[in-house]
Protein backbone atom coordinates (compact mmCIF):
# COMPACT_ATOMS: atom_id res chain seq x y z
CA MET A 1 6.72 9.03 -8.68
CA ILE A 2 6.02 8.14 -5.09
CA ARG A 3 8.55 7.60 -2.34
CA THR A 4 8.63 3.78 -2.49
CA LEU A 5 11.43 3.96 -5.09
CA THR A 6 13.74 6.12 -2.98
CA SER A 7 15.73 3.36 -1.25
CA PHE A 8 16.38 1.47 -4.45
CA LEU A 9 17.35 4.58 -6.37
CA SER A 10 19.84 5.66 -3.70
CA VAL A 11 21.75 2.43 -4.32
CA LEU A 12 21.26 2.57 -8.07
CA ILE A 13 22.71 6.09 -8.34
CA LEU A 14 25.85 4.97 -6.53
CA VAL A 15 26.47 2.07 -8.90
CA SER A 16 25.44 3.84 -12.10
CA CYS A 17 27.35 7.12 -11.86
CA GLY A 18 30.04 5.74 -14.13
CA SER A 19 27.64 4.21 -16.64
CA LYS A 20 27.13 5.40 -20.18
CA LYS A 21 25.53 8.83 -20.36
CA ILE A 22 23.09 10.00 -23.00
CA ASN A 23 24.96 11.42 -25.96
CA ASN A 24 23.74 15.01 -25.87
CA GLU A 25 25.13 18.26 -27.11
CA THR A 26 24.11 21.82 -26.51
CA VAL A 27 21.87 23.30 -29.18
CA LEU A 28 21.52 27.06 -29.12
CA ASN A 29 18.32 28.59 -30.38
CA PRO A 30 18.94 32.33 -30.79
CA ASP A 31 15.32 32.93 -31.75
CA GLY A 32 13.79 31.00 -28.85
CA PRO A 33 12.89 32.13 -25.35
CA GLU A 34 15.77 32.70 -22.93
CA GLY A 35 14.89 29.55 -21.00
CA LEU A 36 15.45 27.40 -24.10
CA LYS A 37 18.95 28.60 -24.97
CA GLY A 38 21.51 25.92 -24.33
CA ARG A 39 18.87 23.26 -23.67
CA MET A 40 20.19 19.72 -24.07
CA VAL A 41 18.79 17.96 -27.14
CA SER A 42 19.73 14.35 -27.84
CA GLU A 43 21.35 13.26 -31.11
CA GLU A 44 18.37 11.02 -31.83
CA ILE A 45 15.96 13.93 -31.53
CA LYS A 46 18.17 16.23 -33.62
CA THR A 47 18.03 13.80 -36.55
CA SER A 48 14.24 14.16 -36.67
CA MET A 49 14.38 17.95 -36.88
CA ASN A 50 14.82 20.04 -39.99
CA ASP A 51 17.04 23.11 -40.17
CA SER A 52 14.41 25.33 -38.55
CA GLY A 53 14.23 23.13 -35.47
CA LYS A 54 10.77 21.84 -36.37
CA PHE A 55 10.00 18.14 -36.49
CA SER A 56 9.91 16.26 -39.76
CA GLY A 57 8.95 12.74 -40.75
CA LYS A 58 5.79 10.72 -40.12
CA GLU A 59 4.94 12.20 -36.73
CA VAL A 60 2.31 14.87 -36.28
CA VAL A 61 3.93 18.30 -36.26
CA PHE A 62 2.24 20.15 -33.43
CA SER A 63 4.28 20.54 -30.27
CA THR A 64 7.76 22.08 -30.37
CA SER A 65 10.60 22.63 -27.92
CA GLU A 66 9.45 26.21 -27.55
CA ASP A 67 5.92 25.11 -26.61
CA ILE A 68 7.28 22.73 -23.99
CA ALA A 69 9.62 25.43 -22.63
CA VAL A 70 6.73 27.80 -21.91
CA LEU A 71 5.09 25.16 -19.71
CA MET A 72 8.13 23.60 -18.07
CA ASP A 73 9.99 26.80 -17.30
CA TYR A 74 7.02 27.96 -15.24
CA LEU A 75 5.87 24.71 -13.64
CA ALA A 76 9.37 23.82 -12.43
CA SER A 77 10.45 27.35 -11.55
CA ASP A 78 11.66 28.38 -8.10
CA ALA A 79 8.64 30.68 -7.84
CA LEU A 80 6.41 27.62 -7.32
CA GLU A 81 8.68 26.32 -4.53
CA GLY A 82 8.47 22.69 -5.56
CA ARG A 83 4.67 22.46 -5.84
CA GLY A 84 4.16 20.79 -2.46
CA SER A 85 0.56 19.72 -1.95
CA GLY A 86 -1.41 22.27 0.06
CA THR A 87 1.05 25.11 -0.59
CA LYS A 88 0.81 28.44 -2.36
CA GLY A 89 3.22 27.17 -5.01
CA ILE A 90 1.00 24.33 -6.17
CA GLU A 91 -1.99 26.66 -6.12
CA MET A 92 -0.09 28.90 -8.56
CA ALA A 93 0.54 25.84 -10.73
CA ALA A 94 -3.17 24.95 -10.61
CA ASP A 95 -4.12 28.48 -11.70
CA PHE A 96 -1.65 28.23 -14.59
CA ILE A 97 -3.08 24.87 -15.70
CA GLU A 98 -6.63 26.16 -15.38
CA ASP A 99 -5.85 29.17 -17.58
CA ARG A 100 -4.25 26.93 -20.19
CA PHE A 101 -7.16 24.52 -20.22
CA SER A 102 -9.60 27.40 -20.63
CA SER A 103 -7.65 29.01 -23.49
CA SER A 104 -7.36 25.59 -25.18
CA GLY A 105 -11.12 25.08 -25.24
CA ILE A 106 -11.16 22.48 -22.47
CA ALA A 107 -14.18 22.87 -20.17
CA PRO A 108 -14.13 22.16 -16.41
CA TYR A 109 -15.34 18.65 -15.69
CA PHE A 110 -17.01 19.69 -12.46
CA THR A 111 -18.47 23.11 -11.65
CA THR A 112 -14.92 24.46 -11.67
CA TYR A 113 -11.60 23.03 -12.85
CA LYS A 114 -10.40 22.62 -9.26
CA ASP A 115 -11.79 19.62 -7.38
CA THR A 116 -10.90 19.62 -3.68
CA LEU A 117 -9.50 16.39 -2.25
CA GLU A 118 -11.50 14.80 0.53
CA ASN A 119 -8.65 12.53 1.66
CA PHE A 120 -5.97 15.19 2.29
CA GLU A 121 -5.37 17.04 5.55
CA GLY A 122 -5.37 20.65 4.44
CA VAL A 123 -6.50 22.10 1.13
CA ALA A 124 -5.40 20.45 -2.09
CA PHE A 125 -7.16 19.95 -5.37
CA ASN A 126 -6.92 18.14 -8.66
CA VAL A 127 -7.38 20.14 -11.86
CA VAL A 128 -9.84 18.33 -14.13
CA GLY A 129 -11.03 19.34 -17.60
CA VAL A 130 -13.14 17.64 -20.25
CA LEU A 131 -13.57 17.80 -24.01
CA GLU A 132 -16.85 16.30 -25.19
CA GLY A 133 -16.61 13.74 -27.96
CA THR A 134 -18.04 14.40 -31.41
CA ASP A 135 -19.88 11.09 -31.85
CA PRO A 136 -23.46 11.02 -30.44
CA ALA A 137 -23.00 7.52 -28.98
CA LEU A 138 -19.26 7.29 -28.27
CA LYS A 139 -19.17 10.64 -26.45
CA ASN A 140 -20.75 8.87 -23.47
CA GLU A 141 -17.55 6.84 -23.11
CA TYR A 142 -14.47 8.50 -21.62
CA VAL A 143 -10.71 8.24 -22.06
CA MET A 144 -8.63 9.91 -19.34
CA LEU A 145 -5.21 11.48 -19.86
CA GLY A 146 -3.57 12.06 -16.50
CA ALA A 147 -0.43 13.10 -14.64
CA HIS A 148 0.38 14.36 -11.18
CA TYR A 149 1.43 17.99 -10.92
CA ASP A 150 2.58 18.02 -7.29
CA HIS A 151 6.10 17.42 -6.01
CA LEU A 152 7.97 17.56 -2.69
CA GLY A 153 8.06 21.33 -2.10
CA ILE A 154 10.75 22.66 0.27
CA VAL A 155 13.19 19.98 1.44
CA SER A 156 16.46 19.70 3.37
CA PRO A 157 19.06 21.92 1.67
CA GLU A 158 21.70 20.48 -0.64
CA ASN A 159 24.47 22.90 -1.57
CA GLY A 160 22.27 25.78 -0.47
CA ASP A 161 19.26 24.72 -2.54
CA ASP A 162 16.12 23.63 -0.68
CA ILE A 163 13.57 23.68 -3.55
CA ALA A 164 12.67 20.30 -5.04
CA ASN A 165 11.54 21.71 -8.40
CA GLY A 166 10.30 18.38 -9.76
CA ALA A 167 10.98 19.07 -13.44
CA ASN A 168 11.04 15.42 -14.47
CA ASP A 169 8.83 14.33 -11.56
CA ASN A 170 6.35 15.37 -12.73
CA ALA A 171 6.20 18.72 -14.49
CA SER A 172 7.19 16.69 -17.56
CA GLY A 173 4.07 14.52 -17.44
CA THR A 174 1.93 17.55 -16.62
CA ALA A 175 3.26 19.45 -19.64
CA THR A 176 2.58 16.42 -21.85
CA VAL A 177 -1.07 16.28 -20.79
CA MET A 178 -1.41 20.06 -21.22
CA GLU A 179 -0.03 19.89 -24.76
CA LEU A 180 -2.37 17.03 -25.65
CA ALA A 181 -5.25 19.08 -24.26
CA ARG A 182 -4.16 22.01 -26.43
CA TYR A 183 -4.10 19.82 -29.53
CA PHE A 184 -7.48 18.18 -29.03
CA GLY A 185 -9.06 21.44 -27.88
CA LYS A 186 -7.98 22.91 -31.21
CA GLU A 187 -8.75 19.98 -33.52
CA LYS A 188 -11.76 18.44 -31.71
CA SER A 189 -10.98 15.17 -33.47
CA ASN A 190 -12.09 12.88 -30.63
CA LYS A 191 -15.29 10.82 -30.94
CA ARG A 192 -15.10 9.70 -27.30
CA SER A 193 -14.97 12.34 -24.59
CA LEU A 194 -11.54 13.11 -23.16
CA ILE A 195 -10.85 13.91 -19.50
CA PHE A 196 -7.62 15.77 -18.77
CA ALA A 197 -6.75 15.22 -15.09
CA LEU A 198 -3.80 16.72 -13.22
CA PHE A 199 -3.50 15.17 -9.77
CA SER A 200 -2.33 16.62 -6.47
CA ALA A 201 -0.88 14.69 -3.50
CA GLU A 202 0.61 11.84 -5.55
CA GLU A 203 3.73 12.22 -3.44
CA LYS A 204 1.56 11.75 -0.33
CA GLY A 205 0.38 8.32 -1.44
CA LEU A 206 -1.56 8.73 -4.71
CA LEU A 207 -4.26 10.68 -2.86
CA GLY A 208 -5.42 12.86 -5.76
CA SER A 209 -6.00 9.98 -8.16
CA ARG A 210 -7.63 7.87 -5.45
CA HIS A 211 -10.04 10.72 -4.72
CA LEU A 212 -10.96 11.27 -8.38
CA ALA A 213 -11.24 7.59 -9.29
CA LYS A 214 -13.68 6.95 -6.46
CA LYS A 215 -15.68 10.09 -7.24
CA LEU A 216 -16.07 9.23 -10.93
CA LYS A 217 -16.87 5.61 -10.16
CA ASP A 218 -19.60 6.71 -7.76
CA GLN A 219 -21.04 8.85 -10.58
CA GLY A 220 -21.31 5.77 -12.78
CA LEU A 221 -18.94 7.15 -15.44
CA ASP A 222 -18.33 4.86 -18.43
CA MET A 223 -14.51 4.95 -18.44
CA TYR A 224 -12.79 3.12 -21.29
CA ALA A 225 -9.09 3.63 -20.50
CA MET A 226 -6.75 5.74 -18.39
CA LEU A 227 -3.46 6.87 -19.96
CA ASN A 228 -1.02 8.28 -17.40
CA TYR A 229 2.24 10.18 -18.01
CA GLU A 230 5.08 10.08 -15.49
CA MET A 231 8.69 11.26 -15.74
CA VAL A 232 9.07 11.71 -19.50
CA GLY A 233 11.64 14.53 -19.45
CA VAL A 234 14.76 12.69 -20.70
CA PRO A 235 15.27 9.96 -23.32
CA MET A 236 15.92 6.35 -22.38
CA VAL A 237 19.37 4.90 -23.04
CA ASP A 238 19.95 2.36 -25.82
CA LYS A 239 16.30 1.37 -26.31
CA ASP A 240 14.45 0.62 -29.55
CA HIS A 241 11.34 2.49 -28.39
CA LEU A 242 10.53 5.99 -27.22
CA VAL A 243 8.58 5.23 -24.02
CA TYR A 244 7.79 2.17 -21.94
CA LEU A 245 4.45 1.18 -20.45
CA THR A 246 3.97 0.06 -16.86
CA GLY A 247 1.97 -3.14 -16.59
CA TYR A 248 3.09 -3.88 -20.15
CA GLU A 249 2.21 -7.56 -19.98
CA LEU A 250 -1.21 -7.01 -18.38
CA SER A 251 -3.01 -5.64 -21.46
CA ASN A 252 -2.68 -5.02 -25.18
CA MET A 253 -2.32 -1.25 -24.69
CA ALA A 254 1.25 -1.22 -26.05
CA GLU A 255 0.20 -3.18 -29.13
CA VAL A 256 -2.75 -0.86 -29.77
CA SER A 257 -0.58 2.22 -29.18
CA ASN A 258 2.05 1.10 -31.67
CA ALA A 259 -0.56 0.20 -34.26
CA TYR A 260 -1.93 3.75 -34.20
CA ALA A 261 1.56 5.25 -34.12
CA GLY A 262 2.61 3.19 -37.14
CA GLU A 263 5.90 2.30 -35.44
CA LYS A 264 7.30 0.96 -32.17
CA VAL A 265 6.82 3.95 -29.90
CA VAL A 266 5.93 1.92 -26.79
CA GLY A 267 8.03 -0.91 -25.39
CA PHE A 268 8.81 -3.00 -22.33
CA LEU A 269 11.20 -2.10 -19.50
CA PRO A 270 12.12 -5.10 -17.30
CA GLN A 271 12.76 -2.89 -14.26
CA ALA A 272 9.22 -1.52 -14.48
CA LYS A 273 7.90 -5.02 -13.89
CA GLU A 274 10.61 -5.90 -11.36
CA PHE A 275 9.74 -2.93 -9.16
CA ASN A 276 6.01 -3.08 -9.89
CA LEU A 277 5.74 0.48 -11.18
CA PHE A 278 2.22 -0.36 -12.33
CA LYS A 279 1.08 0.14 -8.74
CA ARG A 280 3.22 3.21 -8.04
CA SER A 281 1.62 5.96 -10.05
CA ASP A 282 -1.81 7.49 -10.57
CA ASN A 283 -3.00 4.91 -13.08
CA TYR A 284 -3.41 2.37 -10.30
CA ALA A 285 -6.41 3.96 -8.57
CA PHE A 286 -8.40 3.78 -11.82
CA HIS A 287 -7.40 0.17 -12.29
CA GLN A 288 -8.68 -0.57 -8.80
CA GLU A 289 -11.96 1.35 -9.09
CA PHE A 290 -12.92 0.66 -12.71
CA ASN A 291 -10.96 -2.50 -13.60
CA ILE A 292 -10.16 -0.95 -16.98
CA PRO A 293 -6.80 -0.70 -18.76
CA SER A 294 -5.03 2.00 -16.72
CA GLN A 295 -1.31 2.30 -17.37
CA THR A 296 1.58 4.76 -17.33
CA TYR A 297 3.87 5.89 -20.14
CA SER A 298 7.36 6.85 -18.91
CA THR A 299 10.97 7.27 -20.02
CA PHE A 300 12.65 7.02 -16.60
CA ASP A 301 14.74 3.88 -17.18
CA PHE A 302 16.67 3.75 -13.85
CA THR A 303 19.94 4.78 -15.57
CA ASN A 304 19.15 8.05 -17.34
CA PHE A 305 18.20 10.32 -14.43
CA PRO A 306 20.15 10.38 -11.13
CA TYR A 307 18.13 13.24 -9.60
CA TYR A 308 14.94 11.46 -8.53
CA HIS A 309 13.57 13.32 -5.47
CA LYS A 310 16.65 15.56 -5.47
CA VAL A 311 16.88 19.35 -5.62
CA ASP A 312 18.77 18.89 -8.90
CA ASP A 313 15.59 17.77 -10.69
CA GLU A 314 15.68 21.05 -12.62
CA THR A 315 14.64 22.20 -16.08
CA SER A 316 18.33 22.35 -17.07
CA GLU A 317 18.34 18.54 -16.98
CA MET A 318 15.33 18.17 -19.29
CA ASP A 319 15.33 17.48 -23.03
CA TYR A 320 12.51 19.60 -24.45
CA GLY A 321 12.97 18.26 -27.97
CA HIS A 322 12.46 14.73 -26.68
CA MET A 323 9.34 15.83 -24.82
CA ALA A 324 7.86 17.45 -27.93
CA ILE A 325 8.48 14.24 -29.85
CA ILE A 326 6.54 12.31 -27.20
CA VAL A 327 3.57 14.67 -27.51
CA ASN A 328 3.59 14.43 -31.30
CA LYS A 329 3.87 10.63 -31.25
CA MET A 330 1.10 10.39 -28.68
CA ILE A 331 -1.41 12.40 -30.72
CA PRO A 332 -2.28 9.62 -33.22
CA ILE A 333 -2.27 7.09 -30.37
CA VAL A 334 -4.79 9.05 -28.31
CA GLU A 335 -6.80 9.89 -31.43
CA GLY A 336 -6.99 6.23 -32.42
CA ILE A 337 -8.04 5.11 -28.95
CA ALA A 338 -10.64 7.87 -28.73
CA ASN A 339 -12.10 7.08 -32.15
CA SER A 340 -12.10 3.28 -32.40
CA PRO A 341 -15.64 1.93 -32.88
CA VAL A 342 -15.16 -0.65 -30.12
CA LYS A 343 -13.21 -0.77 -26.86
CA GLU A 344 -10.22 -2.62 -28.25
CA ILE A 345 -7.80 -2.16 -25.33
CA LYS A 346 -8.35 -5.04 -22.92
CA TYR A 347 -6.68 -6.70 -19.98
CA LYS A 348 -5.33 -10.13 -20.87
């Protein structure tokens, strides 16, 4: 999430350090990858798992903690040096995403997956894939699933650490989009075409999404909706929903999402409106260019994560079980939006 929140969060962290913390406990998985051992898994998430650690209940069973770990433990590793735009580290991340898209059956939207930004000094690129819809008419309409994959890179050292790994911001959103791409690439259950867009230079002022939104608008693309994922790595505290939606009151996207989920997955966060988060992530460029419902799903609730733009935004602070639940809950939502006979999501 871009730098405009930094001043507020500095104050918030000071006043919230003594607030209620998420009730987590360490869950060891002796059969999982080394990076998953000791990962924090919330009590709420544990209750939706069976004895094998898989998810049970109404939600689609596709993504697991282990699947999320493979993505997160690379994207937020020290080897990528914080994924600063225009650096070798983010190029490594782009190569990783490209390989995953290819193996998932997602084609490059342009000639290649990498689309070079025209509004960035230096070399930076978005990674953009597409999965054609199955319906002869609806496949000419597009739903975008997006997240930014850049972060701050190398920063001023804190306790000897100068790598801003950006696990929550925004390897978490990136991993969510990659898992959704893996699902739909496998199932091909989308009547509308799906664009999977991972943006660079969000931290430089939403440059990657601005570049892509303008480029697609100039092409005359028929975009139906843009679903963005930002900071979804830890659960919210004391909420009756899994994620909140920025610009909640502007459209019926939350209502439509919950209808397809069959439960209240998406809710309202007052602080998101108070601090106008609708304009502070990559959804906003698509709202401006296309005037279509373009909104962000998030679980950063201003109390549950004190490491925003800090070197401590590490994978050790993430809840991979929670993230897998988000992917699984999002599958019927995205499927419903992609397959509805009419464009039912509308601005109010």
